[in-house]
Amino acid sequence: MDQQLKDLMGERGTKGRKADITFLDGSGRIEVKGPGGVREYTLKPLKELYAAGTDSPSVNPEDDKYMPLFLGIEGSIAAYYEDEPGLTDGMVGLTLDQLAMDPDSVPAGDELA
């Protein structure tokens, strides 16, 4: 998460943030209702959040800074599975491979992506 969004949400120690977030559309625009009032914000691309300033374009699964990304992906897969119980490991693997190439480019027709 970027610092600007953290500031909009307001810090509350290690127990989380105190803000409500509403997704406005599929383009990454959100509305943040936090301590400073209601503000509109556009989420930053994954490349900007996780790849900027790194020596390698790959993600180290042992590094805790990537945990929010991994948990978000895992949660989306689990939610998709609830609606589509025919989802297979192979289908998930193909989607993750496609997204690993370019996380900003969602493959056409792949609802999971």
Protein backbone atom coordinates (compact mmCIF):
# COMPACT_ATOMS: atom_id res chain seq x y z
CA MET A 1 0.00 0.00 0.00
CA ASP A 2 1.34 3.41 -0.80
CA GLN A 3 1.89 6.10 1.80
CA GLN A 4 -0.66 8.48 0.30
CA LEU A 5 -3.46 5.91 0.72
CA LYS A 6 -2.28 5.09 4.25
CA ASP A 7 -2.49 8.78 5.11
CA LEU A 8 -6.02 9.04 3.72
CA MET A 9 -7.11 6.02 5.73
CA GLY A 10 -5.50 7.21 8.97
CA GLU A 11 -3.22 5.10 11.12
CA ARG A 12 -4.49 3.16 14.09
CA GLY A 13 -1.44 1.40 15.50
CA THR A 14 -0.92 -2.21 14.50
CA LYS A 15 -4.61 -3.11 14.70
CA GLY A 16 -5.43 -1.76 11.25
CA ARG A 17 -6.78 1.40 9.73
CA LYS A 18 -9.90 3.38 10.52
CA ALA A 19 -11.54 4.06 7.16
CA ASP A 20 -14.26 2.78 4.89
CA ILE A 21 -13.41 2.13 1.26
CA THR A 22 -15.90 1.94 -1.61
CA PHE A 23 -14.82 0.83 -5.08
CA LEU A 24 -16.32 3.24 -7.60
CA ASP A 25 -15.64 1.28 -10.78
CA GLY A 26 -13.29 -1.30 -12.29
CA SER A 27 -10.58 1.25 -13.07
CA GLY A 28 -9.16 1.41 -9.54
CA ARG A 29 -11.02 4.51 -8.40
CA ILE A 30 -12.08 4.33 -4.76
CA GLU A 31 -13.77 6.54 -2.23
CA VAL A 32 -12.05 6.69 1.16
CA LYS A 33 -14.07 7.77 4.18
CA GLY A 34 -11.43 8.41 6.81
CA PRO A 35 -10.54 10.78 9.62
CA GLY A 36 -9.96 13.60 7.13
CA GLY A 37 -13.38 13.25 5.48
CA VAL A 38 -14.41 11.66 2.18
CA ARG A 39 -11.82 11.68 -0.60
CA GLU A 40 -11.61 10.04 -4.00
CA TYR A 41 -8.39 8.19 -4.78
CA THR A 42 -7.05 6.11 -7.69
CA LEU A 43 -5.16 2.97 -6.71
CA LYS A 44 -1.63 2.77 -8.05
CA PRO A 45 -0.58 0.00 -10.45
CA LEU A 46 1.07 -3.05 -8.90
CA LYS A 47 4.30 -2.37 -10.80
CA GLU A 48 4.60 1.00 -9.12
CA LEU A 49 3.98 -0.42 -5.66
CA TYR A 50 6.06 -3.59 -5.78
CA ALA A 51 8.64 -3.20 -8.54
CA ALA A 52 9.85 0.36 -8.13
CA GLY A 53 13.43 0.53 -6.96
CA THR A 54 14.01 -3.21 -6.87
CA ASP A 55 17.00 -4.97 -8.37
CA SER A 56 14.89 -7.78 -9.80
CA PRO A 57 11.47 -7.91 -11.44
CA SER A 58 10.67 -11.11 -9.51
CA VAL A 59 8.90 -11.31 -6.16
CA ASN A 60 10.49 -13.08 -3.20
CA PRO A 61 7.75 -15.14 -1.51
CA GLU A 62 9.80 -15.12 1.70
CA ASP A 63 9.66 -11.31 1.97
CA ASP A 64 6.82 -10.11 4.23
CA LYS A 65 6.38 -6.87 2.29
CA TYR A 66 4.66 -8.88 -0.46
CA MET A 67 2.21 -10.59 1.91
CA PRO A 68 -0.66 -8.10 1.27
CA LEU A 69 -0.30 -8.80 -2.44
CA PHE A 70 -0.31 -12.58 -1.96
CA LEU A 71 -3.25 -12.50 0.44
CA GLY A 72 -5.24 -10.30 -1.94
CA ILE A 73 -4.62 -12.70 -4.82
CA GLU A 74 -5.43 -15.74 -2.68
CA GLY A 75 -8.65 -14.12 -1.41
CA SER A 76 -9.75 -13.31 -4.96
CA ILE A 77 -9.14 -16.89 -6.07
CA ALA A 78 -11.12 -18.26 -3.10
CA ALA A 79 -14.02 -15.86 -3.77
CA TYR A 80 -14.05 -16.84 -7.45
CA TYR A 81 -14.10 -20.53 -6.48
CA GLU A 82 -17.23 -19.98 -4.37
CA ASP A 83 -19.07 -18.86 -7.53
CA GLU A 84 -17.32 -21.29 -9.90
CA PRO A 85 -16.67 -24.60 -8.08
CA GLY A 86 -15.38 -26.11 -11.33
CA LEU A 87 -12.22 -24.01 -11.02
CA THR A 88 -9.09 -26.17 -11.26
CA ASP A 89 -5.49 -25.69 -10.16
CA GLY A 90 -4.49 -25.67 -13.83
CA MET A 91 -6.85 -22.80 -14.63
CA VAL A 92 -5.51 -20.82 -11.66
CA GLY A 93 -1.93 -21.57 -12.70
CA LEU A 94 -2.50 -20.33 -16.25
CA THR A 95 -4.12 -17.14 -15.00
CA LEU A 96 -1.30 -16.47 -12.52
CA ASP A 97 1.29 -17.06 -15.25
CA GLN A 98 -0.45 -14.54 -17.52
CA LEU A 99 -0.70 -11.96 -14.76
CA ALA A 100 2.93 -12.50 -13.74
CA MET A 101 3.99 -11.38 -17.21
CA ASP A 102 2.12 -8.07 -16.91
CA PRO A 103 -0.14 -7.49 -13.89
CA ASP A 104 -1.69 -4.40 -15.49
CA SER A 105 -2.87 -6.28 -18.57
CA VAL A 106 -5.88 -8.44 -17.77
CA PRO A 107 -6.32 -11.23 -20.35
CA ALA A 108 -9.55 -10.82 -22.31
CA GLY A 109 -12.22 -13.33 -21.38
CA ASP A 110 -10.47 -14.52 -18.22
CA GLU A 111 -12.89 -13.62 -15.44
CA LEU A 112 -10.53 -14.93 -12.75
CA ALA A 113 -7.78 -12.53 -13.89
